[in-house]
Amino acid sequence: MSATIKDIRKKTGLSLATISKYLNGGNVLPENREKIGGAIKELHYHVNDMARSLVTSQTRSVGMVVPSMVSPFHGSLIRYIESELKQAGYSLMVCDSMDDAEQERDNIEFLSRKNVDGLVLIPTGRKVQDILDLVPGRVPIITLDVKWSGISGVTIDNVRAGYEATSYLTERGHRRIGIIYIGKQCTGRQRLKGYCKALAKRGIQREEVLEMATDGTVDGAYEAMNRLLSLDRRPTAVFTCNHDMNIGAVMAMNDAGFRYPTDLSIIGFDDLLIPSILNPRLTVLEQPMEEMGNAAARIILEHMRHTDPADRKAEQHVYRAILHEGKSVERINPEEAEKNS
């Protein structure tokens, strides 16, 4: 016969109220937490989640919708968020939108029917009101990787990131700088904005032929880099705006017989294994993944404690991407490069 909460009380000598508080993620004294945890293991006690949800109207679950589960960026965030939620007694239910707005809509409606207590969303590009119309008002929402007015979120300063990456190249003499970015996402457009800002500061004329909007995939970046390499006046450097595009761009260079940094300099985004194992090592801007994931989990947990949506105050956590210098960018003489182009 399965152990009950009364068996835990008998084993520990603690009150039902204290044990219930522990089981529901509340704060109890460390010594009591240790007693209850030990009793649960010894008695092989399992919480009846269905029964608890009927009593509390909570499922102790959080839904998360991402554009692509195969993306190392999204996978890394999922890992940190799930770890933080697990410590608070919550499970994470993840759905893959496959970069499709309609699939994203279906995922959000599915999670709403599952009565998740909160929703973490990395949107495909849909407008904020379209999302809010899909989710019951009681369910708090936070966003990752984008910043929406009136909704809590966690992101980096993408304009600054684009500016710093491009400035790094201009400071090393580069004037014809290509960029490969996600055209349909706010994040990509903000990094493009930073790129343009850095060019303007140096008095460099913007050339749309050097700006490659893609879908953010390896294949998309591969095609974009090939177009840049086939230009009559090729860029001397390229900025790739996410991890998958780092891979696609380097693959295109390899297949075309180009080597960085001697033939073309390149600066990428996110240090998620690949940049560190490439030889030479890729120079990248790295997002603080663990900090972002932990912050997202803490915010959604805080919002779920307030049953009245009016008590949930929107907050934005904006981090800075940190440049990690590799050996993929060469310092050049801009006049000499212009003469040879």
C-alpha atoms as a PDB file:
ATOM      1  CA  MET A   1       0.000   0.000   0.000  1.00  0.00           C
ATOM      2  CA  SER A   2       1.326   3.439  -0.915  1.00  0.00           C
ATOM      3  CA  ALA A   3       2.624   5.679   1.834  1.00  0.00           C
ATOM      4  CA  THR A   4       0.528   8.705   2.792  1.00  0.00           C
ATOM      5  CA  ILE A   5       1.222  12.115   4.291  1.00  0.00           C
ATOM      6  CA  LYS A   6       0.079  10.682   7.634  1.00  0.00           C
ATOM      7  CA  ASP A   7       2.879   8.103   7.443  1.00  0.00           C
ATOM      8  CA  ILE A   8       5.350  10.952   6.982  1.00  0.00           C
ATOM      9  CA  ARG A   9       3.872  12.699  10.037  1.00  0.00           C
ATOM     10  CA  LYS A  10       4.265   9.531  12.084  1.00  0.00           C
ATOM     11  CA  LYS A  11       7.839   9.080  10.887  1.00  0.00           C
ATOM     12  CA  THR A  12       8.965  12.669  11.473  1.00  0.00           C
ATOM     13  CA  GLY A  13       6.750  13.804  14.351  1.00  0.00           C
ATOM     14  CA  LEU A  14       5.997  16.997  12.421  1.00  0.00           C
ATOM     15  CA  SER A  15       2.591  18.543  11.841  1.00  0.00           C
ATOM     16  CA  LEU A  16       0.570  17.909   8.693  1.00  0.00           C
ATOM     17  CA  ALA A  17       0.689  21.658   8.003  1.00  0.00           C
ATOM     18  CA  THR A  18       4.516  21.675   7.937  1.00  0.00           C
ATOM     19  CA  ILE A  19       4.677  18.576   5.735  1.00  0.00           C
ATOM     20  CA  SER A  20       2.059  19.984   3.361  1.00  0.00           C
ATOM     21  CA  LYS A  21       3.981  23.251   3.125  1.00  0.00           C
ATOM     22  CA  TYR A  22       7.128  21.343   2.183  1.00  0.00           C
ATOM     23  CA  LEU A  23       5.301  19.274  -0.454  1.00  0.00           C
ATOM     24  CA  ASN A  24       3.846  22.418  -2.019  1.00  0.00           C
ATOM     25  CA  GLY A  25       7.208  24.129  -2.347  1.00  0.00           C
ATOM     26  CA  GLY A  26       6.929  26.370   0.714  1.00  0.00           C
ATOM     27  CA  ASN A  27       9.752  27.360   3.055  1.00  0.00           C
ATOM     28  CA  VAL A  28      10.308  25.175   6.103  1.00  0.00           C
ATOM     29  CA  LEU A  29      13.167  25.018   8.581  1.00  0.00           C
ATOM     30  CA  PRO A  30      16.266  23.258   7.231  1.00  0.00           C
ATOM     31  CA  GLU A  31      16.135  20.556   9.897  1.00  0.00           C
ATOM     32  CA  ASN A  32      12.468  19.867   9.111  1.00  0.00           C
ATOM     33  CA  ARG A  33      13.206  19.819   5.372  1.00  0.00           C
ATOM     34  CA  GLU A  34      15.863  17.185   6.017  1.00  0.00           C
ATOM     35  CA  LYS A  35      13.505  15.068   8.144  1.00  0.00           C
ATOM     36  CA  ILE A  36      10.696  15.191   5.588  1.00  0.00           C
ATOM     37  CA  GLY A  37      13.017  14.516   2.662  1.00  0.00           C
ATOM     38  CA  GLY A  38      14.494  11.517   4.443  1.00  0.00           C
ATOM     39  CA  ALA A  39      11.050  10.133   5.293  1.00  0.00           C
ATOM     40  CA  ILE A  40       9.869  10.525   1.699  1.00  0.00           C
ATOM     41  CA  LYS A  41      12.828   8.496   0.437  1.00  0.00           C
ATOM     42  CA  GLU A  42      12.501   5.824   3.125  1.00  0.00           C
ATOM     43  CA  LEU A  43       8.742   5.428   2.682  1.00  0.00           C
ATOM     44  CA  HIS A  44       8.872   5.780  -1.130  1.00  0.00           C
ATOM     45  CA  TYR A  45       6.193   8.433  -0.897  1.00  0.00           C
ATOM     46  CA  HIS A  46       4.862   9.903  -4.149  1.00  0.00           C
ATOM     47  CA  VAL A  47       2.674  12.981  -4.425  1.00  0.00           C
ATOM     48  CA  ASN A  48      -0.670  12.380  -6.118  1.00  0.00           C
ATOM     49  CA  ASP A  49      -0.438  15.271  -8.579  1.00  0.00           C
ATOM     50  CA  MET A  50      -3.949  14.787  -9.927  1.00  0.00           C
ATOM     51  CA  ALA A  51      -5.524  14.892  -6.491  1.00  0.00           C
ATOM     52  CA  ARG A  52      -3.450  17.904  -5.491  1.00  0.00           C
ATOM     53  CA  SER A  53      -4.386  19.815  -8.634  1.00  0.00           C
ATOM     54  CA  LEU A  54      -8.088  19.253  -7.919  1.00  0.00           C
ATOM     55  CA  VAL A  55      -7.660  20.770  -4.465  1.00  0.00           C
ATOM     56  CA  THR A  56      -5.291  23.634  -5.310  1.00  0.00           C
ATOM     57  CA  SER A  57      -6.293  24.315  -8.955  1.00  0.00           C
ATOM     58  CA  GLN A  58      -2.582  24.075  -9.734  1.00  0.00           C
ATOM     59  CA  THR A  59      -0.756  21.457 -11.792  1.00  0.00           C
ATOM     60  CA  ARG A  60       2.734  22.408 -10.548  1.00  0.00           C
ATOM     61  CA  SER A  61       3.798  22.556 -14.194  1.00  0.00           C
ATOM     62  CA  VAL A  62       5.167  25.265 -16.454  1.00  0.00           C
ATOM     63  CA  GLY A  63       4.822  25.246 -20.225  1.00  0.00           C
ATOM     64  CA  MET A  64       7.600  26.401 -22.527  1.00  0.00           C
ATOM     65  CA  VAL A  65       7.352  27.035 -26.263  1.00  0.00           C
ATOM     66  CA  VAL A  66      10.533  27.351 -28.337  1.00  0.00           C
ATOM     67  CA  PRO A  67      11.059  27.858 -32.083  1.00  0.00           C
ATOM     68  CA  SER A  68      13.339  24.816 -32.360  1.00  0.00           C
ATOM     69  CA  MET A  69      14.312  22.168 -29.816  1.00  0.00           C
ATOM     70  CA  VAL A  70      17.275  21.076 -31.929  1.00  0.00           C
ATOM     71  CA  SER A  71      18.870  24.499 -31.497  1.00  0.00           C
ATOM     72  CA  PRO A  72      21.740  24.377 -28.954  1.00  0.00           C
ATOM     73  CA  PHE A  73      20.709  27.879 -27.818  1.00  0.00           C
ATOM     74  CA  HIS A  74      17.181  26.797 -26.933  1.00  0.00           C
ATOM     75  CA  GLY A  75      18.352  23.478 -25.491  1.00  0.00           C
ATOM     76  CA  SER A  76      20.762  25.247 -23.167  1.00  0.00           C
ATOM     77  CA  LEU A  77      18.048  27.583 -21.874  1.00  0.00           C
ATOM     78  CA  ILE A  78      15.654  24.664 -21.344  1.00  0.00           C
ATOM     79  CA  ARG A  79      18.275  22.899 -19.241  1.00  0.00           C
ATOM     80  CA  TYR A  80      18.822  25.830 -16.871  1.00  0.00           C
ATOM     81  CA  ILE A  81      15.122  26.680 -16.566  1.00  0.00           C
ATOM     82  CA  GLU A  82      14.128  23.087 -15.865  1.00  0.00           C
ATOM     83  CA  SER A  83      16.825  22.717 -13.204  1.00  0.00           C
ATOM     84  CA  GLU A  84      15.644  25.826 -11.371  1.00  0.00           C
ATOM     85  CA  LEU A  85      11.953  24.868 -11.594  1.00  0.00           C
ATOM     86  CA  LYS A  86      12.643  21.325 -10.403  1.00  0.00           C
ATOM     87  CA  GLN A  87      14.179  22.651  -7.202  1.00  0.00           C
ATOM     88  CA  ALA A  88      10.923  24.528  -6.574  1.00  0.00           C
ATOM     89  CA  GLY A  89       8.814  21.413  -7.159  1.00  0.00           C
ATOM     90  CA  TYR A  90       7.650  22.242 -10.689  1.00  0.00           C
ATOM     91  CA  SER A  91       7.915  20.239 -13.895  1.00  0.00           C
ATOM     92  CA  LEU A  92       8.588  21.745 -17.330  1.00  0.00           C
ATOM     93  CA  MET A  93       6.569  20.813 -20.419  1.00  0.00           C
ATOM     94  CA  VAL A  94       8.352  21.894 -23.620  1.00  0.00           C
ATOM     95  CA  CYS A  95       6.787  22.248 -27.074  1.00  0.00           C
ATOM     96  CA  ASP A  96       8.626  22.810 -30.373  1.00  0.00           C
ATOM     97  CA  SER A  97       7.091  25.340 -32.790  1.00  0.00           C
ATOM     98  CA  MET A  98       9.440  24.304 -35.602  1.00  0.00           C
ATOM     99  CA  ASP A  99       9.795  27.999 -36.572  1.00  0.00           C
ATOM    100  CA  ASP A 100       6.145  28.028 -37.626  1.00  0.00           C
ATOM    101  CA  ALA A 101       3.672  30.596 -36.283  1.00  0.00           C
ATOM    102  CA  GLU A 102       0.663  28.267 -36.628  1.00  0.00           C
ATOM    103  CA  GLN A 103       2.460  25.445 -34.816  1.00  0.00           C
ATOM    104  CA  GLU A 104       3.336  27.947 -32.102  1.00  0.00           C
ATOM    105  CA  ARG A 105      -0.351  28.827 -31.791  1.00  0.00           C
ATOM    106  CA  ASP A 106      -1.289  25.137 -31.510  1.00  0.00           C
ATOM    107  CA  ASN A 107       1.397  24.613 -28.839  1.00  0.00           C
ATOM    108  CA  ILE A 108       0.169  27.507 -26.724  1.00  0.00           C
ATOM    109  CA  GLU A 109      -3.438  26.292 -26.962  1.00  0.00           C
ATOM    110  CA  PHE A 110      -2.309  22.751 -26.054  1.00  0.00           C
ATOM    111  CA  LEU A 111      -0.441  23.943 -22.962  1.00  0.00           C
ATOM    112  CA  SER A 112      -3.406  26.084 -21.940  1.00  0.00           C
ATOM    113  CA  ARG A 113      -5.664  22.993 -22.113  1.00  0.00           C
ATOM    114  CA  LYS A 114      -3.132  21.183 -19.913  1.00  0.00           C
ATOM    115  CA  ASN A 115      -3.720  23.917 -17.300  1.00  0.00           C
ATOM    116  CA  VAL A 116      -0.073  24.821 -16.910  1.00  0.00           C
ATOM    117  CA  ASP A 117       0.493  27.308 -14.107  1.00  0.00           C
ATOM    118  CA  GLY A 118       2.808  29.508 -16.180  1.00  0.00           C
ATOM    119  CA  LEU A 119       4.189  29.922 -19.686  1.00  0.00           C
ATOM    120  CA  VAL A 120       7.719  30.707 -20.876  1.00  0.00           C
ATOM    121  CA  LEU A 121       7.815  31.715 -24.522  1.00  0.00           C
ATOM    122  CA  ILE A 122      10.540  32.248 -27.099  1.00  0.00           C
ATOM    123  CA  PRO A 123       8.274  33.591 -29.843  1.00  0.00           C
ATOM    124  CA  THR A 124       8.647  33.054 -33.568  1.00  0.00           C
ATOM    125  CA  GLY A 125       7.750  36.666 -34.296  1.00  0.00           C
ATOM    126  CA  ARG A 126       4.020  36.784 -33.556  1.00  0.00           C
ATOM    127  CA  LYS A 127       2.646  40.015 -32.046  1.00  0.00           C
ATOM    128  CA  VAL A 128       2.189  40.190 -28.281  1.00  0.00           C
ATOM    129  CA  GLN A 129      -1.590  40.618 -28.387  1.00  0.00           C
ATOM    130  CA  ASP A 130      -1.960  37.512 -30.573  1.00  0.00           C
ATOM    131  CA  ILE A 131      -0.262  35.523 -27.797  1.00  0.00           C
ATOM    132  CA  LEU A 132      -2.259  37.062 -24.967  1.00  0.00           C
ATOM    133  CA  ASP A 133      -5.509  36.199 -26.759  1.00  0.00           C
ATOM    134  CA  LEU A 134      -4.528  32.503 -26.666  1.00  0.00           C
ATOM    135  CA  VAL A 135      -3.719  32.252 -22.949  1.00  0.00           C
ATOM    136  CA  PRO A 136      -6.163  32.344 -20.014  1.00  0.00           C
ATOM    137  CA  GLY A 137      -5.739  35.557 -18.013  1.00  0.00           C
ATOM    138  CA  ARG A 138      -4.828  33.655 -14.858  1.00  0.00           C
ATOM    139  CA  VAL A 139      -1.700  32.175 -16.485  1.00  0.00           C
ATOM    140  CA  PRO A 140       1.410  34.381 -16.239  1.00  0.00           C
ATOM    141  CA  ILE A 141       3.596  34.680 -19.336  1.00  0.00           C
ATOM    142  CA  ILE A 142       7.233  35.663 -19.659  1.00  0.00           C
ATOM    143  CA  THR A 143       9.352  35.900 -22.791  1.00  0.00           C
ATOM    144  CA  LEU A 144      12.929  34.920 -23.507  1.00  0.00           C
ATOM    145  CA  ASP A 145      15.207  36.371 -26.192  1.00  0.00           C
ATOM    146  CA  VAL A 146      12.749  39.182 -27.008  1.00  0.00           C
ATOM    147  CA  LYS A 147      11.448  42.230 -25.171  1.00  0.00           C
ATOM    148  CA  TRP A 148       7.707  42.896 -25.185  1.00  0.00           C
ATOM    149  CA  SER A 149       6.154  45.925 -23.551  1.00  0.00           C
ATOM    150  CA  GLY A 150       3.965  45.049 -20.555  1.00  0.00           C
ATOM    151  CA  ILE A 151       5.262  41.459 -20.250  1.00  0.00           C
ATOM    152  CA  SER A 152       8.164  40.275 -18.141  1.00  0.00           C
ATOM    153  CA  GLY A 153      11.127  39.047 -20.101  1.00  0.00           C
ATOM    154  CA  VAL A 154      14.762  38.064 -20.180  1.00  0.00           C
ATOM    155  CA  THR A 155      17.038  39.022 -23.042  1.00  0.00           C
ATOM    156  CA  ILE A 156      20.334  40.618 -23.939  1.00  0.00           C
ATOM    157  CA  ASP A 157      20.830  44.108 -25.306  1.00  0.00           C
ATOM    158  CA  ASN A 158      20.797  43.005 -28.931  1.00  0.00           C
ATOM    159  CA  VAL A 159      21.407  46.442 -30.407  1.00  0.00           C
ATOM    160  CA  ARG A 160      24.496  46.797 -28.242  1.00  0.00           C
ATOM    161  CA  ALA A 161      25.645  43.292 -29.195  1.00  0.00           C
ATOM    162  CA  GLY A 162      25.386  44.069 -32.901  1.00  0.00           C
ATOM    163  CA  TYR A 163      27.179  47.361 -32.352  1.00  0.00           C
ATOM    164  CA  GLU A 164      30.044  45.794 -30.373  1.00  0.00           C
ATOM    165  CA  ALA A 165      30.571  42.949 -32.848  1.00  0.00           C
ATOM    166  CA  THR A 166      30.701  45.329 -35.809  1.00  0.00           C
ATOM    167  CA  SER A 167      32.859  47.853 -33.950  1.00  0.00           C
ATOM    168  CA  TYR A 168      35.340  45.083 -33.193  1.00  0.00           C
ATOM    169  CA  LEU A 169      35.691  44.577 -36.951  1.00  0.00           C
ATOM    170  CA  THR A 170      35.894  48.266 -37.883  1.00  0.00           C
ATOM    171  CA  GLU A 171      38.567  48.829 -35.213  1.00  0.00           C
ATOM    172  CA  ARG A 172      40.660  46.227 -37.032  1.00  0.00           C
ATOM    173  CA  GLY A 173      40.441  48.013 -40.341  1.00  0.00           C
ATOM    174  CA  HIS A 174      37.419  46.319 -41.915  1.00  0.00           C
ATOM    175  CA  ARG A 175      35.100  48.525 -43.980  1.00  0.00           C
ATOM    176  CA  ARG A 176      33.209  46.079 -46.189  1.00  0.00           C
ATOM    177  CA  ILE A 177      31.442  44.030 -43.532  1.00  0.00           C
ATOM    178  CA  GLY A 178      28.723  41.510 -44.300  1.00  0.00           C
ATOM    179  CA  ILE A 179      26.037  40.469 -41.826  1.00  0.00           C
ATOM    180  CA  ILE A 180      23.909  37.307 -41.758  1.00  0.00           C
ATOM    181  CA  TYR A 181      20.879  37.722 -39.495  1.00  0.00           C
ATOM    182  CA  ILE A 182      17.337  36.441 -38.895  1.00  0.00           C
ATOM    183  CA  GLY A 183      15.088  38.745 -40.871  1.00  0.00           C
ATOM    184  CA  LYS A 184      11.705  37.850 -39.389  1.00  0.00           C
ATOM    185  CA  GLN A 185      12.673  38.082 -35.717  1.00  0.00           C
ATOM    186  CA  CYS A 186      12.961  41.212 -33.623  1.00  0.00           C
ATOM    187  CA  THR A 187      16.218  39.883 -32.161  1.00  0.00           C
ATOM    188  CA  GLY A 188      17.838  39.684 -35.592  1.00  0.00           C
ATOM    189  CA  ARG A 189      16.599  43.114 -36.636  1.00  0.00           C
ATOM    190  CA  GLN A 190      17.983  44.625 -33.435  1.00  0.00           C
ATOM    191  CA  ARG A 191      21.409  43.119 -34.102  1.00  0.00           C
ATOM    192  CA  LEU A 192      21.203  44.550 -37.624  1.00  0.00           C
ATOM    193  CA  LYS A 193      20.377  47.944 -36.085  1.00  0.00           C
ATOM    194  CA  GLY A 194      23.513  47.740 -33.935  1.00  0.00           C
ATOM    195  CA  TYR A 195      25.535  46.788 -37.011  1.00  0.00           C
ATOM    196  CA  CYS A 196      24.258  49.837 -38.901  1.00  0.00           C
ATOM    197  CA  LYS A 197      24.932  52.077 -35.898  1.00  0.00           C
ATOM    198  CA  ALA A 198      28.566  50.939 -35.738  1.00  0.00           C
ATOM    199  CA  LEU A 199      29.061  51.534 -39.462  1.00  0.00           C
ATOM    200  CA  ALA A 200      27.571  55.022 -39.209  1.00  0.00           C
ATOM    201  CA  LYS A 201      29.862  55.945 -36.334  1.00  0.00           C
ATOM    202  CA  ARG A 202      32.878  55.104 -38.516  1.00  0.00           C
ATOM    203  CA  GLY A 203      31.417  56.967 -41.488  1.00  0.00           C
ATOM    204  CA  ILE A 204      31.029  53.745 -43.475  1.00  0.00           C
ATOM    205  CA  GLN A 205      28.294  53.736 -46.113  1.00  0.00           C
ATOM    206  CA  ARG A 206      25.673  51.036 -45.540  1.00  0.00           C
ATOM    207  CA  GLU A 207      25.393  48.564 -48.450  1.00  0.00           C
ATOM    208  CA  GLU A 208      22.265  46.438 -48.524  1.00  0.00           C
ATOM    209  CA  VAL A 209      23.989  43.900 -50.763  1.00  0.00           C
ATOM    210  CA  LEU A 210      26.094  42.954 -47.733  1.00  0.00           C
ATOM    211  CA  GLU A 211      23.027  42.411 -45.480  1.00  0.00           C
ATOM    212  CA  MET A 212      21.729  38.848 -45.682  1.00  0.00           C
ATOM    213  CA  ALA A 213      18.373  38.157 -44.033  1.00  0.00           C
ATOM    214  CA  THR A 214      17.850  34.421 -43.420  1.00  0.00           C
ATOM    215  CA  ASP A 215      15.641  32.050 -41.455  1.00  0.00           C
ATOM    216  CA  GLY A 216      18.400  31.540 -38.869  1.00  0.00           C
ATOM    217  CA  THR A 217      19.211  27.955 -39.875  1.00  0.00           C
ATOM    218  CA  VAL A 218      22.479  26.321 -40.892  1.00  0.00           C
ATOM    219  CA  ASP A 219      21.205  25.937 -44.469  1.00  0.00           C
ATOM    220  CA  GLY A 220      20.030  29.533 -44.635  1.00  0.00           C
ATOM    221  CA  ALA A 221      23.407  30.840 -43.463  1.00  0.00           C
ATOM    222  CA  TYR A 222      25.208  28.521 -45.903  1.00  0.00           C
ATOM    223  CA  GLU A 223      23.311  30.048 -48.823  1.00  0.00           C
ATOM    224  CA  ALA A 224      23.781  33.591 -47.486  1.00  0.00           C
ATOM    225  CA  MET A 225      27.542  33.169 -47.116  1.00  0.00           C
ATOM    226  CA  ASN A 226      27.780  31.744 -50.625  1.00  0.00           C
ATOM    227  CA  ARG A 227      26.036  34.867 -51.949  1.00  0.00           C
ATOM    228  CA  LEU A 228      28.500  37.085 -50.091  1.00  0.00           C
ATOM    229  CA  LEU A 229      31.470  35.104 -51.394  1.00  0.00           C
ATOM    230  CA  SER A 230      30.202  35.360 -54.975  1.00  0.00           C
ATOM    231  CA  LEU A 231      30.008  39.183 -54.957  1.00  0.00           C
ATOM    232  CA  ASP A 232      32.340  41.012 -57.306  1.00  0.00           C
ATOM    233  CA  ARG A 233      33.490  43.043 -54.306  1.00  0.00           C
ATOM    234  CA  ARG A 234      33.472  40.553 -51.472  1.00  0.00           C
ATOM    235  CA  PRO A 235      33.365  41.677 -47.838  1.00  0.00           C
ATOM    236  CA  THR A 236      36.585  41.428 -45.858  1.00  0.00           C
ATOM    237  CA  ALA A 237      34.633  40.327 -42.760  1.00  0.00           C
ATOM    238  CA  VAL A 238      31.244  38.828 -41.899  1.00  0.00           C
ATOM    239  CA  PHE A 239      29.168  38.967 -38.707  1.00  0.00           C
ATOM    240  CA  THR A 240      26.931  35.907 -38.179  1.00  0.00           C
ATOM    241  CA  CYS A 241      24.150  36.525 -35.681  1.00  0.00           C
ATOM    242  CA  ASN A 242      23.443  33.149 -34.082  1.00  0.00           C
ATOM    243  CA  HIS A 243      25.035  29.789 -33.340  1.00  0.00           C
ATOM    244  CA  ASP A 244      23.504  27.835 -36.234  1.00  0.00           C
ATOM    245  CA  MET A 245      24.508  30.569 -38.669  1.00  0.00           C
ATOM    246  CA  ASN A 246      28.092  30.348 -37.408  1.00  0.00           C
ATOM    247  CA  ILE A 247      28.107  26.739 -38.583  1.00  0.00           C
ATOM    248  CA  GLY A 248      26.455  27.382 -41.949  1.00  0.00           C
ATOM    249  CA  ALA A 249      28.775  30.288 -42.746  1.00  0.00           C
ATOM    250  CA  VAL A 250      31.948  28.346 -41.931  1.00  0.00           C
ATOM    251  CA  MET A 251      30.710  25.327 -43.924  1.00  0.00           C
ATOM    252  CA  ALA A 252      30.150  27.561 -46.953  1.00  0.00           C
ATOM    253  CA  MET A 253      33.648  29.000 -46.628  1.00  0.00           C
ATOM    254  CA  ASN A 254      35.179  25.541 -46.370  1.00  0.00           C
ATOM    255  CA  ASP A 255      33.309  24.258 -49.413  1.00  0.00           C
ATOM    256  CA  ALA A 256      34.309  27.326 -51.444  1.00  0.00           C
ATOM    257  CA  GLY A 257      37.955  26.944 -50.483  1.00  0.00           C
ATOM    258  CA  PHE A 258      38.113  30.039 -48.279  1.00  0.00           C
ATOM    259  CA  ARG A 259      39.897  30.102 -44.931  1.00  0.00           C
ATOM    260  CA  TYR A 260      39.453  32.477 -42.057  1.00  0.00           C
ATOM    261  CA  PRO A 261      40.994  34.812 -41.100  1.00  0.00           C
ATOM    262  CA  THR A 262      43.423  34.918 -44.061  1.00  0.00           C
ATOM    263  CA  ASP A 263      40.757  35.058 -46.820  1.00  0.00           C
ATOM    264  CA  LEU A 264      37.889  36.451 -44.776  1.00  0.00           C
ATOM    265  CA  SER A 265      37.450  37.421 -41.139  1.00  0.00           C
ATOM    266  CA  ILE A 266      34.378  36.212 -39.252  1.00  0.00           C
ATOM    267  CA  ILE A 267      32.799  37.017 -35.899  1.00  0.00           C
ATOM    268  CA  GLY A 268      29.927  34.897 -34.585  1.00  0.00           C
ATOM    269  CA  PHE A 269      27.385  34.587 -31.809  1.00  0.00           C
ATOM    270  CA  ASP A 270      27.092  32.193 -28.855  1.00  0.00           C
ATOM    271  CA  ASP A 271      29.881  29.961 -27.575  1.00  0.00           C
ATOM    272  CA  LEU A 272      27.902  26.699 -27.540  1.00  0.00           C
ATOM    273  CA  LEU A 273      30.648  24.129 -28.260  1.00  0.00           C
ATOM    274  CA  ILE A 274      31.138  24.687 -32.003  1.00  0.00           C
ATOM    275  CA  PRO A 275      33.103  27.991 -31.861  1.00  0.00           C
ATOM    276  CA  SER A 276      35.490  26.536 -29.301  1.00  0.00           C
ATOM    277  CA  ILE A 277      36.284  23.384 -31.317  1.00  0.00           C
ATOM    278  CA  LEU A 278      36.781  25.154 -34.644  1.00  0.00           C
ATOM    279  CA  ASN A 279      40.388  25.736 -35.612  1.00  0.00           C
ATOM    280  CA  PRO A 280      41.212  28.602 -35.529  1.00  0.00           C
ATOM    281  CA  ARG A 281      38.840  29.328 -32.663  1.00  0.00           C
ATOM    282  CA  LEU A 282      35.953  31.601 -33.602  1.00  0.00           C
ATOM    283  CA  THR A 283      35.640  35.073 -32.068  1.00  0.00           C
ATOM    284  CA  VAL A 284      32.093  35.302 -30.690  1.00  0.00           C
ATOM    285  CA  LEU A 285      29.725  37.280 -28.519  1.00  0.00           C
ATOM    286  CA  GLU A 286      28.471  34.982 -25.777  1.00  0.00           C
ATOM    287  CA  GLN A 287      25.142  35.289 -24.015  1.00  0.00           C
ATOM    288  CA  PRO A 288      25.062  34.445 -20.277  1.00  0.00           C
ATOM    289  CA  MET A 289      22.863  31.378 -20.764  1.00  0.00           C
ATOM    290  CA  GLU A 290      22.805  30.143 -17.169  1.00  0.00           C
ATOM    291  CA  GLU A 291      22.013  33.577 -15.772  1.00  0.00           C
ATOM    292  CA  MET A 292      19.250  34.091 -18.331  1.00  0.00           C
ATOM    293  CA  GLY A 293      17.696  30.668 -17.738  1.00  0.00           C
ATOM    294  CA  ASN A 294      17.800  31.019 -13.962  1.00  0.00           C
ATOM    295  CA  ALA A 295      16.325  34.525 -14.145  1.00  0.00           C
ATOM    296  CA  ALA A 296      13.458  33.308 -16.362  1.00  0.00           C
ATOM    297  CA  ALA A 297      12.643  30.508 -13.904  1.00  0.00           C
ATOM    298  CA  ARG A 298      12.723  32.851 -10.911  1.00  0.00           C
ATOM    299  CA  ILE A 299      10.448  35.387 -12.601  1.00  0.00           C
ATOM    300  CA  ILE A 300       7.820  32.836 -13.622  1.00  0.00           C
ATOM    301  CA  LEU A 301       7.889  31.300 -10.135  1.00  0.00           C
ATOM    302  CA  GLU A 302       7.346  34.723  -8.603  1.00  0.00           C
ATOM    303  CA  HIS A 303       4.478  35.502 -10.976  1.00  0.00           C
ATOM    304  CA  MET A 304       2.794  32.162 -10.253  1.00  0.00           C
ATOM    305  CA  ARG A 305       2.675  33.021  -6.551  1.00  0.00           C
ATOM    306  CA  HIS A 306       0.257  35.850  -7.372  1.00  0.00           C
ATOM    307  CA  THR A 307      -3.158  34.482  -8.315  1.00  0.00           C
ATOM    308  CA  ASP A 308      -4.394  37.970  -9.203  1.00  0.00           C
ATOM    309  CA  PRO A 309      -2.813  39.077 -12.512  1.00  0.00           C
ATOM    310  CA  ALA A 310      -2.940  42.683 -11.281  1.00  0.00           C
ATOM    311  CA  ASP A 311      -0.337  41.795  -8.638  1.00  0.00           C
ATOM    312  CA  ARG A 312       2.202  40.659 -11.228  1.00  0.00           C
ATOM    313  CA  LYS A 313       4.550  43.494 -12.057  1.00  0.00           C
ATOM    314  CA  ALA A 314       6.258  43.298 -15.433  1.00  0.00           C
ATOM    315  CA  GLU A 315      10.036  43.289 -15.157  1.00  0.00           C
ATOM    316  CA  GLN A 316      12.753  43.158 -17.766  1.00  0.00           C
ATOM    317  CA  HIS A 317      16.141  41.542 -17.202  1.00  0.00           C
ATOM    318  CA  VAL A 318      18.510  42.763 -19.911  1.00  0.00           C
ATOM    319  CA  TYR A 319      21.985  41.245 -20.012  1.00  0.00           C
ATOM    320  CA  ARG A 320      25.088  42.119 -21.986  1.00  0.00           C
ATOM    321  CA  ALA A 321      26.697  39.705 -24.430  1.00  0.00           C
ATOM    322  CA  ILE A 322      30.403  39.314 -23.693  1.00  0.00           C
ATOM    323  CA  LEU A 323      32.948  39.217 -26.507  1.00  0.00           C
ATOM    324  CA  HIS A 324      35.293  36.230 -26.420  1.00  0.00           C
ATOM    325  CA  GLU A 325      38.271  36.806 -28.654  1.00  0.00           C
ATOM    326  CA  GLY A 326      39.418  33.921 -30.805  1.00  0.00           C
ATOM    327  CA  LYS A 327      41.620  33.940 -33.896  1.00  0.00           C
ATOM    328  CA  SER A 328      39.043  34.401 -36.655  1.00  0.00           C
ATOM    329  CA  VAL A 329      39.477  38.151 -37.206  1.00  0.00           C
ATOM    330  CA  GLU A 330      42.526  39.601 -38.917  1.00  0.00           C
ATOM    331  CA  ARG A 331      43.670  43.201 -38.589  1.00  0.00           C
ATOM    332  CA  ILE A 332      43.923  44.755 -42.061  1.00  0.00           C
ATOM    333  CA  ASN A 333      44.887  47.995 -43.787  1.00  0.00           C
ATOM    334  CA  PRO A 334      41.566  49.413 -45.041  1.00  0.00           C
ATOM    335  CA  GLU A 335      43.185  51.341 -47.921  1.00  0.00           C
ATOM    336  CA  GLU A 336      45.035  48.261 -49.100  1.00  0.00           C
ATOM    337  CA  ALA A 337      41.909  46.115 -48.810  1.00  0.00           C
ATOM    338  CA  GLU A 338      39.924  48.645 -50.879  1.00  0.00           C
ATOM    339  CA  LYS A 339      42.629  48.694 -53.541  1.00  0.00           C
ATOM    340  CA  ASN A 340      42.607  44.889 -53.836  1.00  0.00           C
ATOM    341  CA  SER A 341      38.825  44.463 -53.818  1.00  0.00           C
END
